[in-house]
Each structure stands twice: as C-alpha cells, then as structure tokens.
Amino acid sequence: MQLYPLKLVTVVGESVIMDDIAKEGVKLGATGYTMTDAAGEGSRGARNVLVSSGAKTQKVEFVVPMEVAEKILKHVSHTYFEHYACIAWLADVQVVRGQQYL
C-alpha cells in the first residue's frame, strides 16, 4: 500500500459563506471537498449547529497539495476573517489513493 503525503485544509465558519469557500477551493485547484455541520465554542462564543438566528456553523475540508492549500488559506483569510466567525487550519495527512488529489 502506498501513502501519499498531502495537506488537509479545514475551514469552520458561518454557513452563509461555506458554499462560496467550497466552490472557490475547487477553482483554486482542489479536486473536491467534504462539508459537514459543526458545533463548538471558541473566541467568539458558543456556536451551535443551529443558532437562534437560524444560521448554522459548518466545516469544509480539502485534501490538497501544499500549493493549493496555501491558495485556499490565503483566500479564506483575506476574504472572510474580518467579517465572519471563521477559522482555518492546515494539517499533514497521508492518503491512500492520493494520486486522485494531484
């Protein structure tokens, strides 16, 4: 079995921006993404899956090469961080069938 070293970009934020982030990630070179509902607590307080205003918190993840990861993180940080509850991080991953992500 061969493992491919790639990057996992994870973005958690208000649902109102997550579809745009997912689509932009693909435009920037990701071959796909996974999006799920999320809940938690952080510097901006508790975020439930469904808050009183009806807004949800979601998580979108991309498995990508480093060059694409940097593009996605730059886009997210420059476009959304100032105006939305949003966080992003990068992790090393080893992927089976990783050639699909290149």
PDB file of N, CA and C in Angstrom:
ATOM      1  N   MET A   1       0.851  -1.175   0.000  1.00  0.00           N
ATOM      2  CA  MET A   1       0.000   0.000   0.000  1.00  0.00           C
ATOM      3  C   MET A   1       0.895   1.236   0.000  1.00  0.00           C
ATOM      4  N   GLN A   2       0.588   2.177  -0.873  1.00  0.00           N
ATOM      5  CA  GLN A   2       1.339   3.418  -0.935  1.00  0.00           C
ATOM      6  C   GLN A   2       0.529   4.541  -0.314  1.00  0.00           C
ATOM      7  N   LEU A   3       1.196   5.343   0.514  1.00  0.00           N
ATOM      8  CA  LEU A   3       0.575   6.527   1.099  1.00  0.00           C
ATOM      9  C   LEU A   3       1.171   7.768   0.449  1.00  0.00           C
ATOM     10  N   TYR A   4       0.322   8.752   0.196  1.00  0.00           N
ATOM     11  CA  TYR A   4       0.732   9.998  -0.435  1.00  0.00           C
ATOM     12  C   TYR A   4       0.660  11.121   0.590  1.00  0.00           C
ATOM     13  N   PRO A   5       1.763  11.867   0.784  1.00  0.00           N
ATOM     14  CA  PRO A   5       1.732  12.992   1.728  1.00  0.00           C
ATOM     15  C   PRO A   5       1.026  14.191   1.090  1.00  0.00           C
ATOM     16  N   LEU A   6      -0.043  14.621   1.715  1.00  0.00           N
ATOM     17  CA  LEU A   6      -0.800  15.777   1.246  1.00  0.00           C
ATOM     18  C   LEU A   6      -1.145  16.655   2.439  1.00  0.00           C
ATOM     19  N   LYS A   7      -1.929  17.684   2.219  1.00  0.00           N
ATOM     20  CA  LYS A   7      -2.359  18.606   3.269  1.00  0.00           C
ATOM     21  C   LYS A   7      -3.873  18.562   3.411  1.00  0.00           C
ATOM     22  N   LEU A   8      -4.326  18.665   4.638  1.00  0.00           N
ATOM     23  CA  LEU A   8      -5.750  18.771   4.932  1.00  0.00           C
ATOM     24  C   LEU A   8      -6.021  20.207   5.357  1.00  0.00           C
ATOM     25  N   VAL A   9      -6.789  20.920   4.557  1.00  0.00           N
ATOM     26  CA  VAL A   9      -7.211  22.273   4.897  1.00  0.00           C
ATOM     27  C   VAL A   9      -8.616  22.164   5.467  1.00  0.00           C
ATOM     28  N   THR A  10      -8.797  22.677   6.677  1.00  0.00           N
ATOM     29  CA  THR A  10     -10.099  22.665   7.329  1.00  0.00           C
ATOM     30  C   THR A  10     -10.521  24.097   7.596  1.00  0.00           C
ATOM     31  N   VAL A  11     -11.753  24.417   7.223  1.00  0.00           N
ATOM     32  CA  VAL A  11     -12.318  25.744   7.474  1.00  0.00           C
ATOM     33  C   VAL A  11     -13.645  25.535   8.194  1.00  0.00           C
ATOM     34  N   VAL A  12     -13.817  26.215   9.319  1.00  0.00           N
ATOM     35  CA  VAL A  12     -15.067  26.176  10.069  1.00  0.00           C
ATOM     36  C   VAL A  12     -15.592  27.596  10.136  1.00  0.00           C
ATOM     37  N   GLY A  13     -16.869  27.758   9.790  1.00  0.00           N
ATOM     38  CA  GLY A  13     -17.426  29.105   9.807  1.00  0.00           C
ATOM     39  C   GLY A  13     -18.930  29.115   9.634  1.00  0.00           C
ATOM     40  N   GLU A  14     -19.446  30.308   9.506  1.00  0.00           N
ATOM     41  CA  GLU A  14     -20.878  30.503   9.320  1.00  0.00           C
ATOM     42  C   GLU A  14     -21.325  29.888   7.997  1.00  0.00           C
ATOM     43  N   SER A  15     -22.458  29.214   8.021  1.00  0.00           N
ATOM     44  CA  SER A  15     -22.924  28.509   6.820  1.00  0.00           C
ATOM     45  C   SER A  15     -23.122  29.441   5.631  1.00  0.00           C
ATOM     46  N   VAL A  16     -23.403  30.703   5.878  1.00  0.00           N
ATOM     47  CA  VAL A  16     -23.660  31.650   4.795  1.00  0.00           C
ATOM     48  C   VAL A  16     -22.456  31.796   3.859  1.00  0.00           C
ATOM     49  N   ILE A  17     -21.247  31.487   4.325  1.00  0.00           N
ATOM     50  CA  ILE A  17     -20.050  31.629   3.490  1.00  0.00           C
ATOM     51  C   ILE A  17     -19.469  30.305   3.023  1.00  0.00           C
ATOM     52  N   MET A  18     -19.932  29.195   3.563  1.00  0.00           N
ATOM     53  CA  MET A  18     -19.243  27.927   3.335  1.00  0.00           C
ATOM     54  C   MET A  18     -19.397  27.387   1.919  1.00  0.00           C
ATOM     55  N   ASP A  19     -20.534  27.578   1.280  1.00  0.00           N
ATOM     56  CA  ASP A  19     -20.667  27.138  -0.116  1.00  0.00           C
ATOM     57  C   ASP A  19     -19.702  27.897  -1.018  1.00  0.00           C
ATOM     58  N   ASP A  20     -19.568  29.203  -0.761  1.00  0.00           N
ATOM     59  CA  ASP A  20     -18.627  30.005  -1.552  1.00  0.00           C
ATOM     60  C   ASP A  20     -17.190  29.548  -1.325  1.00  0.00           C
ATOM     61  N   ILE A  21     -16.836  29.237  -0.084  1.00  0.00           N
ATOM     62  CA  ILE A  21     -15.483  28.764   0.213  1.00  0.00           C
ATOM     63  C   ILE A  21     -15.233  27.433  -0.489  1.00  0.00           C
ATOM     64  N   ALA A  22     -16.197  26.532  -0.449  1.00  0.00           N
ATOM     65  CA  ALA A  22     -16.047  25.230  -1.104  1.00  0.00           C
ATOM     66  C   ALA A  22     -15.850  25.401  -2.608  1.00  0.00           C
ATOM     67  N   LYS A  23     -16.676  26.224  -3.241  1.00  0.00           N
ATOM     68  CA  LYS A  23     -16.568  26.441  -4.687  1.00  0.00           C
ATOM     69  C   LYS A  23     -15.243  27.111  -5.046  1.00  0.00           C
ATOM     70  N   GLU A  24     -14.816  28.078  -4.247  1.00  0.00           N
ATOM     71  CA  GLU A  24     -13.563  28.766  -4.527  1.00  0.00           C
ATOM     72  C   GLU A  24     -12.380  27.820  -4.344  1.00  0.00           C
ATOM     73  N   GLY A  25     -12.463  26.922  -3.343  1.00  0.00           N
ATOM     74  CA  GLY A  25     -11.404  25.931  -3.153  1.00  0.00           C
ATOM     75  C   GLY A  25     -11.214  25.066  -4.390  1.00  0.00           C
ATOM     76  N   VAL A  26     -12.303  24.677  -5.010  1.00  0.00           N
ATOM     77  CA  VAL A  26     -12.225  23.884  -6.247  1.00  0.00           C
ATOM     78  C   VAL A  26     -11.628  24.730  -7.375  1.00  0.00           C
ATOM     79  N   LYS A  27     -12.041  25.984  -7.480  1.00  0.00           N
ATOM     80  CA  LYS A  27     -11.467  26.870  -8.503  1.00  0.00           C
ATOM     81  C   LYS A  27      -9.961  27.049  -8.311  1.00  0.00           C
ATOM     82  N   LEU A  28      -9.519  27.007  -7.061  1.00  0.00           N
ATOM     83  CA  LEU A  28      -8.100  27.208  -6.751  1.00  0.00           C
ATOM     84  C   LEU A  28      -7.275  25.927  -6.901  1.00  0.00           C
ATOM     85  N   GLY A  29      -7.937  24.799  -7.226  1.00  0.00           N
ATOM     86  CA  GLY A  29      -7.179  23.590  -7.513  1.00  0.00           C
ATOM     87  C   GLY A  29      -7.547  22.346  -6.748  1.00  0.00           C
ATOM     88  N   ALA A  30      -8.434  22.444  -5.753  1.00  0.00           N
ATOM     89  CA  ALA A  30      -8.875  21.240  -5.043  1.00  0.00           C
ATOM     90  C   ALA A  30      -9.707  20.382  -5.986  1.00  0.00           C
ATOM     91  N   THR A  31      -9.584  19.073  -5.870  1.00  0.00           N
ATOM     92  CA  THR A  31     -10.372  18.184  -6.724  1.00  0.00           C
ATOM     93  C   THR A  31     -11.741  17.899  -6.128  1.00  0.00           C
ATOM     94  N   GLY A  32     -11.979  18.339  -4.900  1.00  0.00           N
ATOM     95  CA  GLY A  32     -13.256  18.149  -4.240  1.00  0.00           C
ATOM     96  C   GLY A  32     -13.167  18.624  -2.805  1.00  0.00           C
ATOM     97  N   TYR A  33     -14.241  18.405  -2.064  1.00  0.00           N
ATOM     98  CA  TYR A  33     -14.292  18.822  -0.664  1.00  0.00           C
ATOM     99  C   TYR A  33     -15.322  17.990   0.074  1.00  0.00           C
ATOM    100  N   THR A  34     -15.277  18.057   1.394  1.00  0.00           N
ATOM    101  CA  THR A  34     -16.288  17.453   2.257  1.00  0.00           C
ATOM    102  C   THR A  34     -16.823  18.550   3.158  1.00  0.00           C
ATOM    103  N   MET A  35     -18.158  18.682   3.226  1.00  0.00           N
ATOM    104  CA  MET A  35     -18.766  19.688   4.081  1.00  0.00           C
ATOM    105  C   MET A  35     -19.712  19.018   5.067  1.00  0.00           C
ATOM    106  N   THR A  36     -19.606  19.421   6.340  1.00  0.00           N
ATOM    107  CA  THR A  36     -20.465  18.871   7.390  1.00  0.00           C
ATOM    108  C   THR A  36     -20.921  19.996   8.313  1.00  0.00           C
ATOM    109  N   ASP A  37     -22.026  19.766   9.023  1.00  0.00           N
ATOM    110  CA  ASP A  37     -22.456  20.688  10.064  1.00  0.00           C
ATOM    111  C   ASP A  37     -21.495  20.557  11.239  1.00  0.00           C
ATOM    112  N   ALA A  38     -21.325  21.643  11.985  1.00  0.00           N
ATOM    113  CA  ALA A  38     -20.389  21.638  13.103  1.00  0.00           C
ATOM    114  C   ALA A  38     -20.974  22.422  14.271  1.00  0.00           C
ATOM    115  N   ALA A  39     -20.459  22.146  15.449  1.00  0.00           N
ATOM    116  CA  ALA A  39     -20.826  22.889  16.650  1.00  0.00           C
ATOM    117  C   ALA A  39     -19.584  22.981  17.515  1.00  0.00           C
ATOM    118  N   GLY A  40     -19.505  24.025  18.339  1.00  0.00           N
ATOM    119  CA  GLY A  40     -18.353  24.163  19.214  1.00  0.00           C
ATOM    120  C   GLY A  40     -18.352  25.493  19.917  1.00  0.00           C
ATOM    121  N   GLU A  41     -17.227  25.785  20.549  1.00  0.00           N
ATOM    122  CA  GLU A  41     -17.074  27.041  21.273  1.00  0.00           C
ATOM    123  C   GLU A  41     -15.667  27.556  21.043  1.00  0.00           C
ATOM    124  N   GLY A  42     -15.551  28.859  20.872  1.00  0.00           N
ATOM    125  CA  GLY A  42     -14.250  29.464  20.632  1.00  0.00           C
ATOM    126  C   GLY A  42     -14.229  30.908  21.073  1.00  0.00           C
ATOM    127  N   SER A  43     -13.337  31.685  20.496  1.00  0.00           N
ATOM    128  CA  SER A  43     -13.146  33.073  20.907  1.00  0.00           C
ATOM    129  C   SER A  43     -14.382  33.942  20.689  1.00  0.00           C
ATOM    130  N   ARG A  44     -15.241  33.532  19.793  1.00  0.00           N
ATOM    131  CA  ARG A  44     -16.472  34.299  19.548  1.00  0.00           C
ATOM    132  C   ARG A  44     -17.679  33.681  20.233  1.00  0.00           C
ATOM    133  N   GLY A  45     -17.435  32.813  21.214  1.00  0.00           N
ATOM    134  CA  GLY A  45     -18.514  32.213  21.985  1.00  0.00           C
ATOM    135  C   GLY A  45     -18.932  30.870  21.430  1.00  0.00           C
ATOM    136  N   ALA A  46     -20.014  30.337  21.990  1.00  0.00           N
ATOM    137  CA  ALA A  46     -20.523  29.034  21.581  1.00  0.00           C
ATOM    138  C   ALA A  46     -21.230  29.151  20.245  1.00  0.00           C
ATOM    139  N   ARG A  47     -21.005  28.164  19.385  1.00  0.00           N
ATOM    140  CA  ARG A  47     -21.668  28.106  18.091  1.00  0.00           C
ATOM    141  C   ARG A  47     -22.362  26.755  18.008  1.00  0.00           C
ATOM    142  N   ASN A  48     -23.672  26.786  18.030  1.00  0.00           N
ATOM    143  CA  ASN A  48     -24.436  25.552  17.895  1.00  0.00           C
ATOM    144  C   ASN A  48     -24.654  25.252  16.426  1.00  0.00           C
ATOM    145  N   VAL A  49     -25.020  24.013  16.132  1.00  0.00           N
ATOM    146  CA  VAL A  49     -25.323  23.660  14.758  1.00  0.00           C
ATOM    147  C   VAL A  49     -26.421  24.570  14.218  1.00  0.00           C
ATOM    148  N   LEU A  50     -27.413  24.874  15.024  1.00  0.00           N
ATOM    149  CA  LEU A  50     -28.465  25.807  14.612  1.00  0.00           C
ATOM    150  C   LEU A  50     -28.614  26.840  15.714  1.00  0.00           C
ATOM    151  N   VAL A  51     -28.171  28.062  15.479  1.00  0.00           N
ATOM    152  CA  VAL A  51     -28.276  29.125  16.472  1.00  0.00           C
ATOM    153  C   VAL A  51     -29.602  29.838  16.317  1.00  0.00           C
ATOM    154  N   SER A  52     -29.920  30.697  17.269  1.00  0.00           N
ATOM    155  CA  SER A  52     -31.246  31.324  17.310  1.00  0.00           C
ATOM    156  C   SER A  52     -31.592  32.084  16.036  1.00  0.00           C
ATOM    157  N   SER A  53     -30.610  32.638  15.357  1.00  0.00           N
ATOM    158  CA  SER A  53     -30.889  33.390  14.130  1.00  0.00           C
ATOM    159  C   SER A  53     -31.155  32.479  12.935  1.00  0.00           C
ATOM    160  N   GLY A  54     -30.951  31.173  13.112  1.00  0.00           N
ATOM    161  CA  GLY A  54     -31.142  30.246  12.016  1.00  0.00           C
ATOM    162  C   GLY A  54     -29.858  29.937  11.272  1.00  0.00           C
ATOM    163  N   ALA A  55     -28.788  30.671  11.572  1.00  0.00           N
ATOM    164  CA  ALA A  55     -27.503  30.439  10.903  1.00  0.00           C
ATOM    165  C   ALA A  55     -26.839  29.200  11.487  1.00  0.00           C
ATOM    166  N   LYS A  56     -26.269  28.398  10.635  1.00  0.00           N
ATOM    167  CA  LYS A  56     -25.565  27.201  11.069  1.00  0.00           C
ATOM    168  C   LYS A  56     -24.069  27.436  10.970  1.00  0.00           C
ATOM    169  N   THR A  57     -23.341  26.603  11.712  1.00  0.00           N
ATOM    170  CA  THR A  57     -21.897  26.552  11.566  1.00  0.00           C
ATOM    171  C   THR A  57     -21.573  25.290  10.793  1.00  0.00           C
ATOM    172  N   GLN A  58     -20.672  25.399   9.831  1.00  0.00           N
ATOM    173  CA  GLN A  58     -20.296  24.258   9.017  1.00  0.00           C
ATOM    174  C   GLN A  58     -18.784  24.147   8.929  1.00  0.00           C
ATOM    175  N   LYS A  59     -18.347  22.961   8.538  1.00  0.00           N
ATOM    176  CA  LYS A  59     -16.930  22.697   8.333  1.00  0.00           C
ATOM    177  C   LYS A  59     -16.755  22.181   6.918  1.00  0.00           C
ATOM    178  N   VAL A  60     -15.763  22.727   6.206  1.00  0.00           N
ATOM    179  CA  VAL A  60     -15.423  22.232   4.876  1.00  0.00           C
ATOM    180  C   VAL A  60     -13.956  21.819   4.917  1.00  0.00           C
ATOM    181  N   GLU A  61     -13.663  20.666   4.312  1.00  0.00           N
ATOM    182  CA  GLU A  61     -12.308  20.138   4.299  1.00  0.00           C
ATOM    183  C   GLU A  61     -11.876  19.823   2.874  1.00  0.00           C
ATOM    184  N   PHE A  62     -10.611  20.117   2.603  1.00  0.00           N
ATOM    185  CA  PHE A  62      -9.997  19.844   1.310  1.00  0.00           C
ATOM    186  C   PHE A  62      -8.728  19.032   1.546  1.00  0.00           C
ATOM    187  N   VAL A  63      -8.491  17.995   0.768  1.00  0.00           N
ATOM    188  CA  VAL A  63      -7.215  17.275   0.770  1.00  0.00           C
ATOM    189  C   VAL A  63      -6.506  17.689  -0.508  1.00  0.00           C
ATOM    190  N   VAL A  64      -5.367  18.363  -0.344  1.00  0.00           N
ATOM    191  CA  VAL A  64      -4.725  19.020  -1.487  1.00  0.00           C
ATOM    192  C   VAL A  64      -3.199  19.046  -1.335  1.00  0.00           C
ATOM    193  N   PRO A  65      -2.488  19.293  -2.433  1.00  0.00           N
ATOM    194  CA  PRO A  65      -1.053  19.565  -2.338  1.00  0.00           C
ATOM    195  C   PRO A  65      -0.819  20.917  -1.647  1.00  0.00           C
ATOM    196  N   MET A  66       0.380  21.137  -1.157  1.00  0.00           N
ATOM    197  CA  MET A  66       0.703  22.356  -0.409  1.00  0.00           C
ATOM    198  C   MET A  66       0.409  23.626  -1.189  1.00  0.00           C
ATOM    199  N   GLU A  67       0.717  23.647  -2.487  1.00  0.00           N
ATOM    200  CA  GLU A  67       0.487  24.865  -3.273  1.00  0.00           C
ATOM    201  C   GLU A  67      -0.986  25.270  -3.254  1.00  0.00           C
ATOM    202  N   VAL A  68      -1.866  24.296  -3.353  1.00  0.00           N
ATOM    203  CA  VAL A  68      -3.300  24.569  -3.347  1.00  0.00           C
ATOM    204  C   VAL A  68      -3.745  24.966  -1.941  1.00  0.00           C
ATOM    205  N   ALA A  69      -3.207  24.306  -0.933  1.00  0.00           N
ATOM    206  CA  ALA A  69      -3.539  24.639   0.453  1.00  0.00           C
ATOM    207  C   ALA A  69      -3.243  26.106   0.744  1.00  0.00           C
ATOM    208  N   GLU A  70      -2.082  26.567   0.311  1.00  0.00           N
ATOM    209  CA  GLU A  70      -1.711  27.964   0.546  1.00  0.00           C
ATOM    210  C   GLU A  70      -2.678  28.923  -0.144  1.00  0.00           C
ATOM    211  N   LYS A  71      -3.097  28.596  -1.351  1.00  0.00           N
ATOM    212  CA  LYS A  71      -4.046  29.449  -2.083  1.00  0.00           C
ATOM    213  C   LYS A  71      -5.391  29.520  -1.352  1.00  0.00           C
ATOM    214  N   ILE A  72      -5.870  28.372  -0.885  1.00  0.00           N
ATOM    215  CA  ILE A  72      -7.163  28.332  -0.183  1.00  0.00           C
ATOM    216  C   ILE A  72      -7.082  29.129   1.112  1.00  0.00           C
ATOM    217  N   LEU A  73      -6.041  28.903   1.901  1.00  0.00           N
ATOM    218  CA  LEU A  73      -5.895  29.611   3.171  1.00  0.00           C
ATOM    219  C   LEU A  73      -5.760  31.115   2.965  1.00  0.00           C
ATOM    220  N   LYS A  74      -5.037  31.534   1.951  1.00  0.00           N
ATOM    221  CA  LYS A  74      -4.889  32.956   1.652  1.00  0.00           C
ATOM    222  C   LYS A  74      -6.243  33.559   1.290  1.00  0.00           C
ATOM    223  N   HIS A  75      -6.991  32.870   0.425  1.00  0.00           N
ATOM    224  CA  HIS A  75      -8.306  33.363   0.019  1.00  0.00           C
ATOM    225  C   HIS A  75      -9.239  33.491   1.226  1.00  0.00           C
ATOM    226  N   VAL A  76      -9.303  32.456   2.033  1.00  0.00           N
ATOM    227  CA  VAL A  76     -10.207  32.463   3.189  1.00  0.00           C
ATOM    228  C   VAL A  76      -9.816  33.571   4.165  1.00  0.00           C
ATOM    229  N   SER A  77      -8.541  33.678   4.480  1.00  0.00           N
ATOM    230  CA  SER A  77      -8.115  34.673   5.468  1.00  0.00           C
ATOM    231  C   SER A  77      -8.336  36.100   4.967  1.00  0.00           C
ATOM    232  N   HIS A  78      -8.076  36.357   3.709  1.00  0.00           N
ATOM    233  CA  HIS A  78      -8.232  37.717   3.177  1.00  0.00           C
ATOM    234  C   HIS A  78      -9.684  38.087   2.915  1.00  0.00           C
ATOM    235  N   THR A  79     -10.522  37.118   2.632  1.00  0.00           N
ATOM    236  CA  THR A  79     -11.899  37.403   2.233  1.00  0.00           C
ATOM    237  C   THR A  79     -12.895  37.363   3.393  1.00  0.00           C
ATOM    238  N   TYR A  80     -12.681  36.474   4.376  1.00  0.00           N
ATOM    239  CA  TYR A  80     -13.729  36.213   5.366  1.00  0.00           C
ATOM    240  C   TYR A  80     -13.378  36.518   6.814  1.00  0.00           C
ATOM    241  N   PHE A  81     -12.114  36.478   7.192  1.00  0.00           N
ATOM    242  CA  PHE A  81     -11.772  36.565   8.610  1.00  0.00           C
ATOM    243  C   PHE A  81     -12.259  37.854   9.282  1.00  0.00           C
ATOM    244  N   GLU A  82     -12.207  38.965   8.595  1.00  0.00           N
ATOM    245  CA  GLU A  82     -12.556  40.241   9.218  1.00  0.00           C
ATOM    246  C   GLU A  82     -14.052  40.377   9.503  1.00  0.00           C
ATOM    247  N   HIS A  83     -14.894  39.734   8.702  1.00  0.00           N
ATOM    248  CA  HIS A  83     -16.335  39.989   8.791  1.00  0.00           C
ATOM    249  C   HIS A  83     -17.183  38.798   9.241  1.00  0.00           C
ATOM    250  N   TYR A  84     -16.588  37.620   9.384  1.00  0.00           N
ATOM    251  CA  TYR A  84     -17.365  36.429   9.727  1.00  0.00           C
ATOM    252  C   TYR A  84     -16.666  35.635  10.827  1.00  0.00           C
ATOM    253  N   ALA A  85     -17.471  34.896  11.591  1.00  0.00           N
ATOM    254  CA  ALA A  85     -16.908  33.940  12.545  1.00  0.00           C
ATOM    255  C   ALA A  85     -16.376  32.773  11.716  1.00  0.00           C
ATOM    256  N   CYS A  86     -15.066  32.659  11.658  1.00  0.00           N
ATOM    257  CA  CYS A  86     -14.440  31.702  10.748  1.00  0.00           C
ATOM    258  C   CYS A  86     -13.033  31.386  11.245  1.00  0.00           C
ATOM    259  N   ILE A  87     -12.625  30.133  11.130  1.00  0.00           N
ATOM    260  CA  ILE A  87     -11.269  29.718  11.464  1.00  0.00           C
ATOM    261  C   ILE A  87     -10.813  28.708  10.416  1.00  0.00           C
ATOM    262  N   ALA A  88      -9.525  28.654  10.179  1.00  0.00           N
ATOM    263  CA  ALA A  88      -8.978  27.703   9.204  1.00  0.00           C
ATOM    264  C   ALA A  88      -7.670  27.160   9.741  1.00  0.00           C
ATOM    265  N   TRP A  89      -7.372  25.901   9.389  1.00  0.00           N
ATOM    266  CA  TRP A  89      -6.096  25.322   9.775  1.00  0.00           C
ATOM    267  C   TRP A  89      -5.623  24.311   8.752  1.00  0.00           C
ATOM    268  N   LEU A  90      -4.356  23.963   8.886  1.00  0.00           N
ATOM    269  CA  LEU A  90      -3.676  23.086   7.947  1.00  0.00           C
ATOM    270  C   LEU A  90      -3.050  21.935   8.730  1.00  0.00           C
ATOM    271  N   ALA A  91      -3.181  20.721   8.206  1.00  0.00           N
ATOM    272  CA  ALA A  91      -2.577  19.549   8.844  1.00  0.00           C
ATOM    273  C   ALA A  91      -1.968  18.651   7.777  1.00  0.00           C
ATOM    274  N   ASP A  92      -0.917  17.952   8.176  1.00  0.00           N
ATOM    275  CA  ASP A  92      -0.321  16.951   7.300  1.00  0.00           C
ATOM    276  C   ASP A  92      -1.165  15.686   7.340  1.00  0.00           C
ATOM    277  N   VAL A  93      -1.393  15.087   6.179  1.00  0.00           N
ATOM    278  CA  VAL A  93      -2.119  13.818   6.105  1.00  0.00           C
ATOM    279  C   VAL A  93      -1.384  12.877   5.157  1.00  0.00           C
ATOM    280  N   GLN A  94      -1.620  11.600   5.324  1.00  0.00           N
ATOM    281  CA  GLN A  94      -1.114  10.565   4.432  1.00  0.00           C
ATOM    282  C   GLN A  94      -2.341   9.879   3.847  1.00  0.00           C
ATOM    283  N   VAL A  95      -2.472   9.880   2.540  1.00  0.00           N
ATOM    284  CA  VAL A  95      -3.702   9.458   1.880  1.00  0.00           C
ATOM    285  C   VAL A  95      -3.463   8.234   1.009  1.00  0.00           C
ATOM    286  N   VAL A  96      -4.336   7.258   1.149  1.00  0.00           N
ATOM    287  CA  VAL A  96      -4.368   6.130   0.239  1.00  0.00           C
ATOM    288  C   VAL A  96      -5.088   6.600  -1.026  1.00  0.00           C
ATOM    289  N   ARG A  97      -4.642   6.182  -2.183  1.00  0.00           N
ATOM    290  CA  ARG A  97      -5.206   6.651  -3.452  1.00  0.00           C
ATOM    291  C   ARG A  97      -4.986   8.139  -3.638  1.00  0.00           C
ATOM    292  N   GLY A  98      -3.878   8.632  -3.119  1.00  0.00           N
ATOM    293  CA  GLY A  98      -3.598  10.057  -3.157  1.00  0.00           C
ATOM    294  C   GLY A  98      -3.389  10.636  -4.537  1.00  0.00           C
ATOM    295  N   GLN A  99      -3.119   9.783  -5.526  1.00  0.00           N
ATOM    296  CA  GLN A  99      -2.939  10.302  -6.881  1.00  0.00           C
ATOM    297  C   GLN A  99      -4.197  11.010  -7.370  1.00  0.00           C
ATOM    298  N   GLN A 100      -5.339  10.727  -6.782  1.00  0.00           N
ATOM    299  CA  GLN A 100      -6.590  11.391  -7.158  1.00  0.00           C
ATOM    300  C   GLN A 100      -6.602  12.872  -6.777  1.00  0.00           C
ATOM    301  N   TYR A 101      -5.713  13.273  -5.886  1.00  0.00           N
ATOM    302  CA  TYR A 101      -5.709  14.640  -5.369  1.00  0.00           C
ATOM    303  C   TYR A 101      -4.642  15.499  -6.044  1.00  0.00           C
ATOM    304  N   LEU A 102      -3.893  14.936  -6.963  1.00  0.00           N
ATOM    305  CA  LEU A 102      -2.800  15.674  -7.585  1.00  0.00           C
ATOM    306  C   LEU A 102      -3.204  16.272  -8.913  1.00  0.00           C
TER     307      LEU A 102
END
